[in-house]
Amino acid sequence: MNHLPFAPFDPSADYRPSAETAAALARHRAGCRCALHSRRLFTAGLLSGAALPALAQDGVTLDSQSKLAQLVPAEQVEAAAAQQYQQMLHEAAQQRALAPAGHPQLVRLRAIAERLIPYVTSPNLRSTPRAAQWNWEVNLIGSKELNAFCMPGGKIAFYYGILNELQLNDDEVAQIMGHEMAHALREHARERLGKTTATRLGANLLSSLFGLGNLGDAALGIGAQLLTLRFSREDESEADKVGLDLAARAGYDPRAGVTLWEKMATASRGNPPQFLSTHPSGPSRIREIQSNLPAVEPLYRRAPKPPRHFGPPR
């Protein structure tokens, strides 16, 4: 990995959501009466219990999560992710490849995250309830690799290369960030690990889904897997949908999901970047994103827009 030198890392500058974002996140629950939910409550009152028409659908529609995820305790997955994340930051800092708090692109990433985080508990997304208590972190790694991820527990990292080489605008960054957050919110890593656990331990243990017993032992050593985990095509499609929804609610144009993956497709023609080893690109993916735009464009039209636009590295 060819690292780009940054100024020495200031450990006191770790990302924490602002007081305003934290308060909004605490308030933003199903049944609250914030601006986002008031329309749904008003509509439900008018219909007096009747089924909501299709036009009243609020964002994308998602299925329930697989119960196989419960084979691996969420606490252990998140603890392993936090440990792996801190180790990655430590190694990057030692190589002067961890962006300081004042780096313009890190300021940009954290500003975009501040806008997305309050919507992670939107009821239609069916996120893990644990997300409301996550300690979100956002960091920038000085590497030419085209990569980004969000680990369980809300640990986000972008590599400088994906911002610079693809010259991503803010709307496209929001799509990547929302997509990666979706993998954590929908516990895709935990589900993948649960399926592996079920295979390894045998089908006779599936009856223990709600009584984990000693299954927690199977989660040991999972930290190293989290950075290289390959999600299914269904996971990727679901993350695209959630990313569109989150970005639209935060005031970022969901149509950027199309331009983003067009750029990814172009980048894959030569040496496919690391990001595409776990996030395959192609015409079918773009068509799926386009098919979900009608569900999120009304969210974008209603959403307050970002007061500041940053732009890609120069």
Protein backbone atom coordinates (compact mmCIF):
# COMPACT_ATOMS: atom_id res chain seq x y z
CA MET A 1 0.00 0.00 0.00
CA ASN A 2 1.48 3.35 -1.04
CA HIS A 3 0.62 5.76 1.74
CA LEU A 4 0.38 9.50 1.32
CA PRO A 5 2.11 11.42 4.13
CA PHE A 6 -0.11 13.42 6.46
CA ALA A 7 0.85 15.55 9.43
CA PRO A 8 1.20 13.62 12.71
CA PHE A 9 -2.10 12.35 14.06
CA ASP A 10 -3.68 14.13 17.01
CA PRO A 11 -5.43 11.40 19.07
CA SER A 12 -7.56 14.01 20.81
CA ALA A 13 -9.20 14.83 17.46
CA ASP A 14 -11.19 11.61 17.09
CA TYR A 15 -14.58 12.11 15.50
CA ARG A 16 -17.65 12.40 17.69
CA PRO A 17 -21.09 13.47 16.51
CA SER A 18 -21.88 17.05 17.46
CA ALA A 19 -24.26 17.69 20.34
CA GLU A 20 -26.90 18.70 17.79
CA THR A 21 -26.52 15.47 15.82
CA ALA A 22 -26.49 13.33 18.97
CA ALA A 23 -29.66 15.00 20.19
CA ALA A 24 -31.35 14.55 16.82
CA LEU A 25 -30.37 10.89 16.78
CA ALA A 26 -31.78 10.36 20.27
CA ARG A 27 -35.06 12.00 19.25
CA HIS A 28 -35.30 10.25 15.90
CA ARG A 29 -37.20 7.10 16.82
CA ALA A 30 -40.25 5.43 15.40
CA GLY A 31 -43.25 7.26 16.73
CA CYS A 32 -41.47 10.55 17.39
CA ARG A 33 -43.07 13.76 16.18
CA CYS A 34 -40.17 15.29 14.31
CA ALA A 35 -40.74 16.81 10.86
CA LEU A 36 -39.79 13.54 9.17
CA HIS A 37 -42.43 11.52 11.00
CA SER A 38 -45.21 14.10 11.34
CA ARG A 39 -46.32 13.56 7.74
CA ARG A 40 -46.73 9.84 8.34
CA LEU A 41 -48.69 10.40 11.55
CA PHE A 42 -50.95 12.95 9.83
CA THR A 43 -51.60 10.62 6.89
CA ALA A 44 -52.38 7.71 9.18
CA GLY A 45 -54.90 9.85 11.03
CA LEU A 46 -56.65 10.83 7.83
CA LEU A 47 -56.91 7.24 6.70
CA SER A 48 -58.27 6.10 10.10
CA GLY A 49 -56.50 2.78 10.01
CA ALA A 50 -56.96 2.12 6.29
CA ALA A 51 -54.02 0.73 4.33
CA LEU A 52 -51.62 3.41 3.16
CA PRO A 53 -51.64 3.91 -0.63
CA ALA A 54 -48.47 3.33 -2.60
CA LEU A 55 -47.90 7.07 -2.97
CA ALA A 56 -47.63 7.43 0.81
CA GLN A 57 -44.65 5.06 0.96
CA ASP A 58 -41.85 6.79 2.84
CA GLY A 59 -38.57 5.81 1.19
CA VAL A 60 -37.36 2.37 0.19
CA THR A 61 -38.92 -0.89 1.35
CA LEU A 62 -36.78 -3.58 2.97
CA ASP A 63 -37.33 -7.13 4.16
CA SER A 64 -36.70 -8.35 7.68
CA GLN A 65 -33.15 -9.29 8.55
CA SER A 66 -32.07 -12.92 8.61
CA LYS A 67 -32.22 -14.59 12.01
CA LEU A 68 -28.94 -16.32 11.21
CA ALA A 69 -27.24 -13.13 12.38
CA GLN A 70 -28.27 -14.05 15.92
CA LEU A 71 -25.84 -16.96 15.87
CA VAL A 72 -23.09 -14.43 16.55
CA PRO A 73 -23.55 -11.97 19.43
CA ALA A 74 -23.72 -8.38 18.21
CA GLU A 75 -21.60 -7.21 21.13
CA GLN A 76 -18.72 -9.44 20.08
CA VAL A 77 -18.92 -8.41 16.43
CA GLU A 78 -18.90 -4.72 17.34
CA ALA A 79 -16.10 -5.17 19.88
CA ALA A 80 -13.99 -7.02 17.31
CA ALA A 81 -14.69 -4.30 14.76
CA ALA A 82 -13.71 -1.54 17.19
CA GLN A 83 -10.45 -3.33 17.99
CA GLN A 84 -9.63 -3.90 14.33
CA TYR A 85 -10.48 -0.28 13.50
CA GLN A 86 -8.25 1.13 16.23
CA GLN A 87 -5.42 -1.13 15.12
CA MET A 88 -5.82 0.13 11.56
CA LEU A 89 -5.75 3.76 12.73
CA HIS A 90 -2.68 3.10 14.87
CA GLU A 91 -0.80 1.54 11.98
CA ALA A 92 -1.80 4.37 9.64
CA ALA A 93 -0.70 6.96 12.21
CA GLN A 94 2.68 5.29 12.56
CA GLN A 95 3.14 5.65 8.79
CA ARG A 96 1.87 9.24 8.85
CA ALA A 97 -1.04 8.09 6.70
CA LEU A 98 -3.86 9.13 9.03
CA ALA A 99 -5.39 12.49 8.14
CA PRO A 100 -5.40 15.10 10.92
CA ALA A 101 -8.69 16.60 12.03
CA GLY A 102 -8.16 19.75 9.97
CA HIS A 103 -7.52 18.02 6.66
CA PRO A 104 -10.03 19.47 4.14
CA GLN A 105 -11.20 16.09 2.90
CA LEU A 106 -11.65 14.73 6.42
CA VAL A 107 -13.63 17.85 7.34
CA ARG A 108 -15.74 17.12 4.28
CA LEU A 109 -16.32 13.47 5.17
CA ARG A 110 -17.31 14.31 8.73
CA ALA A 111 -19.67 17.04 7.58
CA ILE A 112 -21.44 14.58 5.26
CA ALA A 113 -21.59 11.98 8.03
CA GLU A 114 -23.14 14.57 10.36
CA ARG A 115 -26.00 14.90 7.91
CA LEU A 116 -26.56 11.16 7.39
CA ILE A 117 -26.30 9.89 10.96
CA PRO A 118 -29.60 11.34 12.28
CA TYR A 119 -31.53 9.21 9.77
CA VAL A 120 -30.02 5.81 10.55
CA THR A 121 -33.06 4.87 12.66
CA SER A 122 -35.65 5.80 10.03
CA PRO A 123 -38.30 3.08 10.54
CA ASN A 124 -38.43 1.93 6.92
CA LEU A 125 -34.72 1.04 6.97
CA ARG A 126 -35.25 -1.57 9.68
CA SER A 127 -31.76 -0.96 11.05
CA THR A 128 -30.44 -2.74 14.11
CA PRO A 129 -31.75 -0.90 17.21
CA ARG A 130 -28.17 -0.86 18.47
CA ALA A 131 -27.30 1.83 15.91
CA ALA A 132 -28.97 4.49 18.06
CA GLN A 133 -26.21 4.03 20.67
CA TRP A 134 -23.24 3.62 18.36
CA ASN A 135 -20.19 5.79 18.82
CA TRP A 136 -19.72 6.82 15.18
CA GLU A 137 -16.21 7.52 13.93
CA VAL A 138 -15.02 8.83 10.56
CA ASN A 139 -11.39 8.81 9.44
CA LEU A 140 -9.40 9.32 6.25
CA ILE A 141 -6.49 7.06 5.32
CA GLY A 142 -3.74 8.50 3.11
CA SER A 143 -3.60 5.74 0.54
CA LYS A 144 -3.94 5.71 -3.24
CA GLU A 145 -6.26 2.72 -3.02
CA LEU A 146 -9.86 3.18 -4.11
CA ASN A 147 -11.60 1.95 -1.00
CA ALA A 148 -14.07 2.85 1.76
CA PHE A 149 -15.94 0.90 4.41
CA CYS A 150 -18.07 1.09 7.55
CA MET A 151 -17.45 -1.60 10.15
CA PRO A 152 -20.08 -2.81 12.65
CA GLY A 153 -20.60 -0.24 15.37
CA GLY A 154 -20.34 2.73 12.99
CA LYS A 155 -16.60 2.79 12.27
CA ILE A 156 -16.17 4.56 8.90
CA ALA A 157 -12.98 4.91 6.85
CA PHE A 158 -12.34 6.39 3.43
CA TYR A 159 -9.11 6.07 1.49
CA TYR A 160 -7.85 9.24 -0.15
CA GLY A 161 -7.55 7.48 -3.50
CA ILE A 162 -11.27 6.95 -3.95
CA LEU A 163 -11.92 10.68 -3.47
CA ASN A 164 -9.03 11.80 -5.63
CA GLU A 165 -8.94 9.31 -8.51
CA LEU A 166 -12.70 9.34 -9.10
CA GLN A 167 -13.06 13.06 -8.33
CA LEU A 168 -16.24 12.37 -6.38
CA ASN A 169 -18.62 15.23 -5.71
CA ASP A 170 -20.40 15.50 -2.37
CA ASP A 171 -23.53 13.71 -3.61
CA GLU A 172 -21.43 10.75 -4.77
CA VAL A 173 -19.50 10.64 -1.49
CA ALA A 174 -22.83 10.57 0.34
CA GLN A 175 -23.87 7.58 -1.78
CA ILE A 176 -20.72 5.64 -0.88
CA MET A 177 -20.98 6.59 2.77
CA GLY A 178 -24.67 5.71 2.95
CA HIS A 179 -24.01 2.40 1.20
CA GLU A 180 -21.23 1.47 3.61
CA MET A 181 -23.27 2.57 6.63
CA ALA A 182 -26.07 0.33 5.35
CA HIS A 183 -23.89 -2.77 5.65
CA ALA A 184 -23.44 -1.97 9.35
CA LEU A 185 -27.04 -0.87 9.96
CA ARG A 186 -28.46 -4.02 8.40
CA GLU A 187 -25.78 -6.16 10.12
CA HIS A 188 -24.63 -7.81 6.91
CA ALA A 189 -21.27 -8.77 8.43
CA ARG A 190 -22.95 -10.36 11.42
CA GLU A 191 -25.27 -12.28 9.10
CA ARG A 192 -22.36 -13.50 6.95
CA LEU A 193 -20.52 -14.62 10.10
CA GLY A 194 -23.70 -16.26 11.37
CA LYS A 195 -24.03 -18.29 8.20
CA THR A 196 -20.41 -19.37 8.47
CA THR A 197 -21.00 -20.33 12.09
CA ALA A 198 -24.09 -22.35 11.19
CA THR A 199 -22.17 -24.23 8.52
CA ARG A 200 -19.22 -24.93 10.77
CA LEU A 201 -21.15 -25.97 13.87
CA GLY A 202 -23.81 -27.99 12.10
CA ALA A 203 -27.48 -27.66 11.31
CA ASN A 204 -28.47 -29.19 14.66
CA LEU A 205 -27.48 -25.93 16.34
CA LEU A 206 -29.93 -23.82 14.35
CA SER A 207 -32.50 -24.49 17.06
CA SER A 208 -30.32 -22.40 19.38
CA LEU A 209 -30.95 -19.16 17.48
CA PHE A 210 -32.57 -17.57 20.51
CA GLY A 211 -30.43 -19.25 23.14
CA LEU A 212 -26.83 -18.65 22.16
CA GLY A 213 -25.25 -20.78 24.87
CA ASN A 214 -21.58 -21.22 23.98
CA LEU A 215 -21.97 -20.01 20.41
CA GLY A 216 -20.23 -16.82 21.42
CA ASP A 217 -16.97 -18.74 21.28
CA ALA A 218 -17.43 -19.01 17.51
CA ALA A 219 -17.12 -15.24 17.20
CA LEU A 220 -13.54 -15.23 18.49
CA GLY A 221 -11.01 -14.08 15.94
CA ILE A 222 -13.56 -12.45 13.64
CA GLY A 223 -11.92 -9.03 13.63
CA ALA A 224 -9.53 -9.88 10.83
CA GLN A 225 -12.43 -11.10 8.68
CA LEU A 226 -14.35 -7.84 8.85
CA LEU A 227 -12.05 -5.91 6.51
CA THR A 228 -12.10 -8.59 3.80
CA LEU A 229 -15.65 -9.89 4.10
CA ARG A 230 -17.45 -10.35 0.78
CA PHE A 231 -21.13 -9.56 0.87
CA SER A 232 -23.73 -11.32 -1.25
CA ARG A 233 -25.34 -9.70 -4.27
CA GLU A 234 -28.50 -9.37 -2.18
CA ASP A 235 -26.55 -7.54 0.53
CA GLU A 236 -25.06 -5.20 -2.05
CA SER A 237 -28.45 -4.46 -3.58
CA GLU A 238 -29.92 -3.80 -0.16
CA ALA A 239 -27.03 -1.50 0.78
CA ASP A 240 -27.55 0.46 -2.45
CA LYS A 241 -31.22 1.00 -1.51
CA VAL A 242 -30.43 2.09 2.05
CA GLY A 243 -27.64 4.37 0.81
CA LEU A 244 -30.01 6.08 -1.62
CA ASP A 245 -32.54 6.59 1.17
CA LEU A 246 -30.05 7.95 3.72
CA ALA A 247 -28.44 10.33 1.24
CA ALA A 248 -31.79 11.63 -0.01
CA ARG A 249 -33.04 12.33 3.52
CA ALA A 250 -29.79 14.19 4.22
CA GLY A 251 -30.27 16.44 1.18
CA TYR A 252 -27.91 14.74 -1.27
CA ASP A 253 -29.08 14.01 -4.81
CA PRO A 254 -29.86 10.26 -5.10
CA ARG A 255 -29.24 10.40 -8.86
CA ALA A 256 -25.57 10.52 -7.91
CA GLY A 257 -25.88 6.79 -7.28
CA VAL A 258 -25.95 6.35 -11.04
CA THR A 259 -22.97 8.61 -11.79
CA LEU A 260 -21.01 7.02 -8.95
CA TRP A 261 -21.31 3.51 -10.36
CA GLU A 262 -20.65 4.76 -13.88
CA LYS A 263 -17.33 6.08 -12.55
CA MET A 264 -16.72 2.75 -10.82
CA ALA A 265 -17.40 0.89 -14.05
CA THR A 266 -14.85 3.08 -15.85
CA ALA A 267 -12.29 2.50 -13.08
CA SER A 268 -12.73 -1.28 -13.34
CA ARG A 269 -11.72 -1.45 -16.99
CA GLY A 270 -8.04 -1.42 -16.19
CA ASN A 271 -6.80 -2.80 -12.88
CA PRO A 272 -9.99 -3.26 -10.82
CA PRO A 273 -9.62 -1.27 -7.58
CA GLN A 274 -9.87 -2.90 -4.17
CA PHE A 275 -13.35 -1.48 -3.67
CA LEU A 276 -14.70 -3.44 -6.62
CA SER A 277 -13.40 -6.76 -5.27
CA THR A 278 -16.19 -6.61 -2.69
CA HIS A 279 -18.55 -4.20 -4.52
CA PRO A 280 -18.93 -5.47 -8.09
CA SER A 281 -20.10 -2.93 -10.64
CA GLY A 282 -22.10 -3.36 -13.80
CA PRO A 283 -25.14 -2.30 -15.85
CA SER A 284 -27.52 -4.41 -13.75
CA ARG A 285 -26.48 -2.56 -10.62
CA ILE A 286 -27.11 0.81 -12.23
CA ARG A 287 -30.51 -0.36 -13.47
CA GLU A 288 -31.46 -1.44 -9.94
CA ILE A 289 -30.43 1.93 -8.57
CA GLN A 290 -32.48 3.70 -11.24
CA SER A 291 -35.50 1.56 -10.37
CA ASN A 292 -35.29 2.73 -6.75
CA LEU A 293 -35.00 6.44 -7.53
CA PRO A 294 -38.79 7.08 -7.56
CA ALA A 295 -38.98 5.93 -3.92
CA VAL A 296 -36.32 8.38 -2.70
CA GLU A 297 -36.62 11.42 -4.96
CA PRO A 298 -39.59 12.79 -2.92
CA LEU A 299 -37.40 12.54 0.20
CA TYR A 300 -34.69 14.54 -1.54
CA ARG A 301 -37.10 17.22 -2.72
CA ARG A 302 -38.39 17.73 0.83
CA ALA A 303 -35.02 17.53 2.56
CA PRO A 304 -33.04 20.61 3.66
CA LYS A 305 -29.98 20.86 1.44
CA PRO A 306 -26.40 21.04 2.74
CA PRO A 307 -25.41 24.63 3.53
CA ARG A 308 -21.91 24.04 2.17
CA HIS A 309 -20.46 22.05 -0.72
CA PHE A 310 -16.86 20.92 -0.52
CA GLY A 311 -15.86 19.18 -3.73
CA PRO A 312 -13.12 16.64 -4.52
CA PRO A 313 -9.38 17.06 -3.93
CA ARG A 314 -7.65 19.38 -6.38
